[in-house]
Amino acid sequence: MKSRIGLIGLGDIAQKVYLPLLSANERVDIVGIASRSLSTVDRIGSQYRIEGRYGSLKELLACGLDAVFIHSPTETHYELVMEALNAGVDVYVDKPLSYRLEESEQMAQYALERGRLLAVGFNRRFAPHYVEAKRWLEETGGFDLAIVQKQRTRQQKHHAKLTLYDDLIHMLDLLLWLGGTAAIDAYRQRVDAEERLVSATGSLVFSAGDNRAKSDDEGVEAVTAVGDSAAQLVSSGAAAAAGGGIASSSAAAGQFSMVRYAGADLERLELHGGGRSAEVSNMEAANFYTPSQGVRSASFGSWDGILYRRGFAGCVEHFLDSLRTPDSCSIRADRVLETHRLVERLADRMLVL
């Protein structure tokens, strides 16, 4: 039986990604769409031959949905998600859950209490080259160093904290997906006179053994941070011991950076460890290195669509697979709260240079 799906919010992400994916998916019926712009609803409804055309979530939910995809502005997520969950409908929502951590936590908790699935669209976890790079390093025990970069050619118009939530969150979630529980080792950012983000750089230390093979009696070690950058465990918020000198830990490290005035839009991942290195550029091309075998390159076929290459197709399929088994969903809201908490902690540590 096909799942009855509705969408609310018909902006760029819905039109470029989710409507094309869902309309072509034989597992679902799009039974309704909703937006405050009724002209947009009519245009999209005619384009995709969707009969249910509404101006509110309340009307959309009355269709009898199995799940709703929410692609409205982040500021509206809390109200819409809670309304859908209260109606007993599973939800897929764009990242971030909210710009306010307390709202993100409340949504995740309410979904658990209602026994409903609330999933967050972290598509990079399903990008094929990222999946392959993770698997390849795990074959030899995991990475020692992960480096992620996301450079952009223009600033966002709003406050730096919202840019962390809108854009840098992708790289932070990628690091936590790759390495597990992490601690902030250092963070620096630059903003302009209007407090818009110019650049952000930082490093994380992963809990010892999270991404590498370890013996049964090996526990998680505290991190000794350099200078004033006392580490905070993302999962618990507990501060690690801070001291001077050089950082020392048996755990792996992660580095991230974003520049908003770069010469080109660029996304890059590097993983190093266990005698292997992996390098992925823009989710499109990957190189895998070993000392004995040199480099192996991987790319996509000419028929592989961009939504597959960037992980959106896999993300949607995973959500649909999880509708009847929410416990299997790796992007369930409570399981990606660490990413939101990490963004919040970075925002709390802002040092304007």
Protein backbone atom coordinates (compact mmCIF):
# COMPACT_ATOMS: atom_id res chain seq x y z
CA MET A 1 0.00 0.00 0.00
CA LYS A 2 1.32 3.43 -0.91
CA SER A 3 2.02 5.99 1.81
CA ARG A 4 -0.19 9.07 1.73
CA ILE A 5 2.13 12.08 1.72
CA GLY A 6 1.54 15.82 2.03
CA LEU A 7 3.93 18.75 1.63
CA ILE A 8 3.74 22.19 3.21
CA GLY A 9 6.06 24.96 2.08
CA LEU A 10 6.60 25.14 -1.67
CA GLY A 11 9.80 27.16 -1.97
CA ASP A 12 13.07 26.33 -3.74
CA ILE A 13 13.99 23.22 -1.75
CA ALA A 14 10.54 21.71 -2.22
CA GLN A 15 10.43 22.49 -5.94
CA LYS A 16 14.02 21.49 -6.75
CA VAL A 17 14.32 18.42 -4.51
CA TYR A 18 11.31 16.93 -2.79
CA LEU A 19 8.50 17.34 -5.30
CA PRO A 20 10.58 15.75 -8.10
CA LEU A 21 11.68 12.90 -5.83
CA LEU A 22 8.30 12.14 -4.30
CA SER A 23 6.28 12.52 -7.49
CA ALA A 24 8.49 9.90 -9.16
CA ASN A 25 8.44 7.52 -6.18
CA GLU A 26 6.12 4.55 -6.68
CA ARG A 27 5.87 4.02 -2.93
CA VAL A 28 3.95 7.22 -2.24
CA ASP A 29 0.94 9.24 -3.31
CA ILE A 30 1.19 13.00 -2.89
CA VAL A 31 -2.39 13.60 -1.82
CA GLY A 32 -2.04 17.26 -0.91
CA ILE A 33 0.17 20.34 -0.84
CA ALA A 34 -0.13 23.54 1.17
CA SER A 35 1.26 27.07 1.17
CA ARG A 36 0.14 30.54 2.17
CA SER A 37 0.50 31.45 -1.52
CA LEU A 38 -2.57 29.91 -3.15
CA SER A 39 -1.30 30.86 -6.61
CA THR A 40 1.81 28.77 -5.96
CA VAL A 41 -0.35 25.91 -4.69
CA ASP A 42 -2.42 25.99 -7.86
CA ARG A 43 0.63 26.19 -10.13
CA ILE A 44 2.44 23.30 -8.42
CA GLY A 45 -0.76 21.30 -8.12
CA SER A 46 -1.38 21.61 -11.85
CA GLN A 47 2.24 20.78 -12.68
CA TYR A 48 2.21 17.56 -10.63
CA ARG A 49 -1.51 16.78 -10.98
CA ILE A 50 -2.11 16.96 -7.24
CA GLU A 51 -5.76 17.36 -6.37
CA GLY A 52 -5.44 18.42 -2.74
CA ARG A 53 -4.51 22.11 -2.69
CA TYR A 54 -4.65 23.98 0.61
CA GLY A 55 -3.68 27.16 2.39
CA SER A 56 -2.94 25.69 5.83
CA LEU A 57 -1.51 22.65 7.55
CA LYS A 58 -4.84 22.04 9.30
CA GLU A 59 -6.54 21.56 5.94
CA LEU A 60 -3.68 19.40 4.67
CA LEU A 61 -3.78 17.10 7.70
CA ALA A 62 -7.49 16.53 7.14
CA CYS A 63 -6.53 14.52 4.03
CA GLY A 64 -5.60 11.59 6.25
CA LEU A 65 -1.82 11.59 5.83
CA ASP A 66 0.74 8.97 6.76
CA ALA A 67 3.50 11.59 6.71
CA VAL A 68 4.02 15.26 5.97
CA PHE A 69 7.13 16.92 4.53
CA ILE A 70 7.67 20.39 6.03
CA HIS A 71 9.71 22.80 3.89
CA SER A 72 8.60 26.11 5.33
CA PRO A 73 10.98 28.72 6.85
CA THR A 74 12.85 27.52 9.94
CA GLU A 75 11.03 30.02 12.15
CA THR A 76 7.76 28.17 11.45
CA HIS A 77 9.05 24.64 12.08
CA TYR A 78 8.11 24.41 15.74
CA GLU A 79 4.44 25.29 15.30
CA LEU A 80 3.96 23.12 12.22
CA VAL A 81 5.88 20.09 13.51
CA MET A 82 4.03 20.10 16.83
CA GLU A 83 0.67 20.41 15.05
CA ALA A 84 1.46 17.47 12.78
CA LEU A 85 2.74 15.29 15.61
CA ASN A 86 -0.32 16.13 17.70
CA ALA A 87 -2.45 14.92 14.79
CA GLY A 88 -0.62 11.58 14.83
CA VAL A 89 1.26 12.17 11.56
CA ASP A 90 4.93 11.34 10.97
CA VAL A 91 7.11 14.27 9.91
CA TYR A 92 10.12 14.94 7.70
CA VAL A 93 11.45 18.46 8.21
CA ASP A 94 14.37 20.41 6.75
CA LYS A 95 17.39 21.10 8.93
CA PRO A 96 17.68 22.74 11.36
CA LEU A 97 14.79 21.74 13.54
CA SER A 98 14.76 25.26 14.98
CA TYR A 99 17.06 28.22 15.62
CA ARG A 100 16.23 27.72 19.31
CA LEU A 101 17.69 24.65 21.01
CA GLU A 102 14.87 24.39 23.52
CA GLU A 103 12.35 24.13 20.68
CA SER A 104 14.43 21.45 18.96
CA GLU A 105 14.56 19.43 22.17
CA GLN A 106 10.82 19.84 22.76
CA MET A 107 9.97 18.64 19.24
CA ALA A 108 12.22 15.59 19.58
CA GLN A 109 10.76 14.71 22.97
CA TYR A 110 7.16 15.20 21.85
CA ALA A 111 7.68 12.90 18.87
CA LEU A 112 8.91 10.17 21.23
CA GLU A 113 5.98 10.73 23.60
CA ARG A 114 3.49 10.53 20.74
CA GLY A 115 5.17 7.48 19.24
CA ARG A 116 5.64 9.29 15.93
CA LEU A 117 8.65 9.60 13.65
CA LEU A 118 10.21 13.05 13.35
CA ALA A 119 13.12 12.99 10.89
CA VAL A 120 15.48 15.81 9.93
CA GLY A 121 16.84 16.14 6.39
CA PHE A 122 20.58 15.74 6.86
CA ASN A 123 21.16 14.56 3.31
CA ARG A 124 24.95 14.37 3.44
CA ARG A 125 24.77 11.23 5.55
CA PHE A 126 23.42 9.54 2.41
CA ALA A 127 25.70 11.08 -0.24
CA PRO A 128 27.27 7.99 -1.89
CA HIS A 129 30.89 9.22 -1.87
CA TYR A 130 30.66 10.22 1.80
CA VAL A 131 29.16 6.83 2.65
CA GLU A 132 31.96 5.07 0.76
CA ALA A 133 34.69 7.18 2.38
CA LYS A 134 33.32 6.42 5.86
CA ARG A 135 33.08 2.70 5.13
CA TRP A 136 36.57 2.55 3.61
CA LEU A 137 38.26 4.14 6.63
CA GLU A 138 36.25 1.98 9.02
CA GLU A 139 37.68 -1.14 7.36
CA THR A 140 41.04 -0.33 8.98
CA GLY A 141 39.65 0.87 12.32
CA GLY A 142 38.50 4.39 11.53
CA PHE A 143 40.11 7.75 10.89
CA ASP A 144 42.61 9.72 12.94
CA LEU A 145 41.80 13.04 11.31
CA ALA A 146 38.70 14.33 9.51
CA ILE A 147 38.75 17.69 7.74
CA VAL A 148 35.59 19.29 6.32
CA GLN A 149 35.31 22.55 4.42
CA LYS A 150 32.31 24.42 3.03
CA GLN A 151 33.29 27.65 1.29
CA ARG A 152 30.74 30.07 -0.14
CA THR A 153 30.96 33.09 -2.46
CA ARG A 154 28.49 35.31 -0.61
CA GLN A 155 27.28 36.11 2.86
CA GLN A 156 23.90 35.44 4.29
CA LYS A 157 22.08 38.59 5.31
CA HIS A 158 21.26 37.58 8.85
CA HIS A 159 23.15 37.14 12.12
CA ALA A 160 26.18 34.85 12.26
CA LYS A 161 24.44 32.38 14.58
CA LEU A 162 21.74 31.73 12.00
CA THR A 163 24.39 31.06 9.34
CA LEU A 164 25.88 28.42 11.64
CA TYR A 165 22.43 26.84 11.87
CA ASP A 166 21.62 27.20 8.16
CA ASP A 167 24.89 26.22 6.52
CA LEU A 168 27.78 25.20 8.79
CA ILE A 169 25.43 22.70 10.45
CA HIS A 170 25.89 20.42 7.42
CA MET A 171 29.64 20.09 8.10
CA LEU A 172 29.17 19.70 11.84
CA ASP A 173 26.61 16.94 11.35
CA LEU A 174 28.93 15.27 8.85
CA LEU A 175 31.71 15.21 11.46
CA LEU A 176 29.46 13.80 14.18
CA TRP A 177 28.08 11.16 11.80
CA LEU A 178 31.62 10.17 10.89
CA GLY A 179 33.16 10.24 14.34
CA GLY A 180 30.50 9.99 17.02
CA THR A 181 30.43 11.95 20.28
CA ALA A 182 32.74 14.95 20.10
CA ALA A 183 34.11 17.78 22.20
CA ILE A 184 34.89 21.33 21.13
CA ASP A 185 38.65 21.84 21.16
CA ALA A 186 38.78 25.32 19.64
CA TYR A 187 36.59 27.74 17.71
CA ARG A 188 37.12 31.12 16.09
CA GLN A 189 34.94 33.20 13.83
CA ARG A 190 34.97 36.57 12.10
CA VAL A 191 31.91 38.76 11.60
CA ASP A 192 31.38 42.09 9.88
CA ALA A 193 30.01 45.30 11.39
CA GLU A 194 26.47 43.96 11.09
CA GLU A 195 27.43 40.69 12.84
CA ARG A 196 27.10 38.63 9.69
CA LEU A 197 29.45 35.67 9.40
CA VAL A 198 32.66 36.19 7.41
CA SER A 199 34.47 32.99 8.41
CA ALA A 200 34.36 30.20 10.97
CA THR A 201 37.04 27.65 11.84
CA GLY A 202 37.32 25.13 14.60
CA SER A 203 38.33 21.70 15.78
CA LEU A 204 36.69 18.83 17.62
CA VAL A 205 38.07 15.90 19.56
CA PHE A 206 36.07 12.68 19.35
CA SER A 207 35.53 10.45 22.35
CA ALA A 208 38.35 7.91 22.41
CA GLY A 209 37.48 4.83 20.38
CA ASP A 210 34.22 6.19 18.92
CA ASN A 211 35.55 5.90 15.37
CA ARG A 212 38.50 3.53 15.89
CA ALA A 213 38.77 -0.07 17.08
CA LYS A 214 39.38 -0.26 20.84
CA SER A 215 39.82 -2.91 23.50
CA ASP A 216 36.93 -3.76 25.82
CA ASP A 217 38.51 -1.98 28.78
CA GLU A 218 39.43 1.21 26.94
CA GLY A 219 37.25 4.09 28.08
CA VAL A 220 36.71 7.66 27.02
CA GLU A 221 39.60 9.90 28.02
CA ALA A 222 39.30 13.53 29.03
CA VAL A 223 40.64 16.06 26.57
CA THR A 224 43.34 18.49 27.58
CA ALA A 225 42.65 21.62 25.57
CA VAL A 226 45.06 24.33 24.47
CA GLY A 227 44.82 27.65 26.27
CA ASP A 228 41.27 28.83 26.90
CA SER A 229 39.53 26.25 24.71
CA ALA A 230 38.23 23.90 27.36
CA ALA A 231 36.44 21.00 25.72
CA GLN A 232 32.75 20.37 26.23
CA LEU A 233 31.23 17.00 25.46
CA VAL A 234 28.50 17.55 22.92
CA SER A 235 26.31 14.77 24.24
CA SER A 236 26.40 15.74 27.90
CA GLY A 237 27.71 19.29 28.06
CA ALA A 238 30.27 18.25 30.67
CA ALA A 239 33.47 20.27 30.62
CA ALA A 240 36.74 18.40 30.30
CA ALA A 241 39.84 19.37 32.20
CA ALA A 242 41.50 22.47 30.75
CA GLY A 243 45.19 23.18 30.96
CA GLY A 244 48.10 24.75 29.17
CA GLY A 245 50.51 23.24 26.72
CA ILE A 246 49.84 20.83 23.85
CA ALA A 247 46.58 18.92 23.57
CA SER A 248 46.96 15.24 24.34
CA SER A 249 44.46 12.49 23.63
CA SER A 250 44.24 9.06 22.06
CA ALA A 251 41.06 10.13 20.29
CA ALA A 252 40.64 11.21 16.69
CA ALA A 253 40.30 14.85 15.69
CA GLY A 254 38.02 16.76 13.36
CA GLN A 255 38.54 20.16 11.77
CA PHE A 256 35.96 22.37 10.07
CA SER A 257 36.03 25.67 8.21
CA MET A 258 33.75 28.00 6.29
CA VAL A 259 34.59 31.21 4.44
CA ARG A 260 31.71 33.30 3.13
CA TYR A 261 33.80 35.38 0.67
CA ALA A 262 35.53 32.53 -1.18
CA GLY A 263 36.33 32.47 -4.89
CA ALA A 264 34.06 29.49 -5.51
CA ASP A 265 31.41 27.43 -3.76
CA LEU A 266 33.36 24.42 -2.53
CA GLU A 267 32.64 21.48 -0.25
CA ARG A 268 35.41 19.09 0.67
CA LEU A 269 35.99 16.12 2.98
CA GLU A 270 39.30 14.50 3.88
CA LEU A 271 39.71 11.41 6.06
CA HIS A 272 43.12 10.08 7.11
CA GLY A 273 44.12 7.10 9.24
CA GLY A 274 44.96 3.40 9.30
CA GLY A 275 47.24 3.73 6.28
CA ARG A 276 44.43 5.16 4.16
CA SER A 277 43.23 8.55 2.98
CA ALA A 278 39.96 9.55 1.33
CA GLU A 279 39.18 12.83 -0.37
CA VAL A 280 35.73 13.90 -1.62
CA SER A 281 35.10 17.14 -3.55
CA ASN A 282 31.65 18.71 -3.83
CA MET A 283 30.11 15.25 -3.27
CA GLU A 284 30.86 14.64 -6.97
CA ALA A 285 34.31 13.03 -7.11
CA ALA A 286 36.35 10.94 -4.68
CA ASN A 287 39.93 9.73 -4.42
CA PHE A 288 41.08 6.88 -2.20
CA TYR A 289 44.79 6.54 -1.35
CA THR A 290 47.06 3.84 0.09
CA PRO A 291 50.89 3.77 0.07
CA SER A 292 51.01 0.41 -1.72
CA GLN A 293 48.25 0.87 -4.29
CA GLY A 294 48.38 4.59 -4.96
CA VAL A 295 45.15 6.37 -5.82
CA ARG A 296 41.77 4.97 -6.83
CA SER A 297 39.33 7.51 -8.23
CA ALA A 298 35.55 7.27 -8.12
CA SER A 299 32.96 9.30 -9.98
CA PHE A 300 29.35 9.00 -11.03
CA GLY A 301 27.82 7.77 -14.24
CA SER A 302 26.24 10.20 -16.66
CA TRP A 303 22.77 8.95 -15.71
CA ASP A 304 23.22 9.44 -11.96
CA GLY A 305 21.08 12.43 -11.03
CA ILE A 306 22.18 15.26 -8.76
CA LEU A 307 19.60 14.37 -6.10
CA TYR A 308 21.14 10.90 -5.84
CA ARG A 309 24.70 12.25 -5.88
CA ARG A 310 24.00 14.69 -3.07
CA GLY A 311 22.20 12.20 -0.87
CA PHE A 312 18.66 13.57 -1.09
CA ALA A 313 17.30 10.45 -2.78
CA GLY A 314 18.86 8.19 -0.15
CA CYS A 315 17.62 10.42 2.66
CA VAL A 316 14.01 10.29 1.44
CA GLU A 317 14.16 6.52 0.88
CA HIS A 318 15.53 6.05 4.40
CA PHE A 319 12.66 8.09 5.83
CA LEU A 320 10.08 6.10 3.90
CA ASP A 321 11.72 2.84 5.00
CA SER A 322 11.50 4.04 8.61
CA LEU A 323 7.81 4.97 8.66
CA ARG A 324 6.83 1.59 10.08
CA THR A 325 10.03 1.14 12.09
CA PRO A 326 10.96 4.54 13.60
CA ASP A 327 13.68 2.98 15.76
CA SER A 328 15.68 2.27 12.59
CA CYS A 329 15.78 5.93 11.51
CA SER A 330 19.30 7.35 11.79
CA ILE A 331 18.10 10.94 11.25
CA ARG A 332 15.40 10.78 13.91
CA ALA A 333 15.21 14.10 15.74
CA ASP A 334 16.46 12.83 19.08
CA ARG A 335 19.45 11.26 17.30
CA VAL A 336 20.51 14.51 15.61
CA LEU A 337 20.06 16.75 18.64
CA GLU A 338 23.81 16.54 19.27
CA THR A 339 24.35 18.43 16.03
CA HIS A 340 22.00 21.21 17.16
CA ARG A 341 23.64 21.31 20.58
CA LEU A 342 27.04 21.64 18.95
CA VAL A 343 25.87 24.62 16.90
CA GLU A 344 24.50 26.21 20.07
CA ARG A 345 27.75 25.69 21.95
CA LEU A 346 29.77 27.19 19.13
CA ALA A 347 27.46 30.20 19.13
CA ASP A 348 27.96 30.54 22.88
CA ARG A 349 31.75 30.51 22.39
CA MET A 350 31.83 33.17 19.67
CA LEU A 351 35.07 35.17 19.70
CA VAL A 352 34.86 38.11 17.31
CA LEU A 353 38.24 38.82 15.68
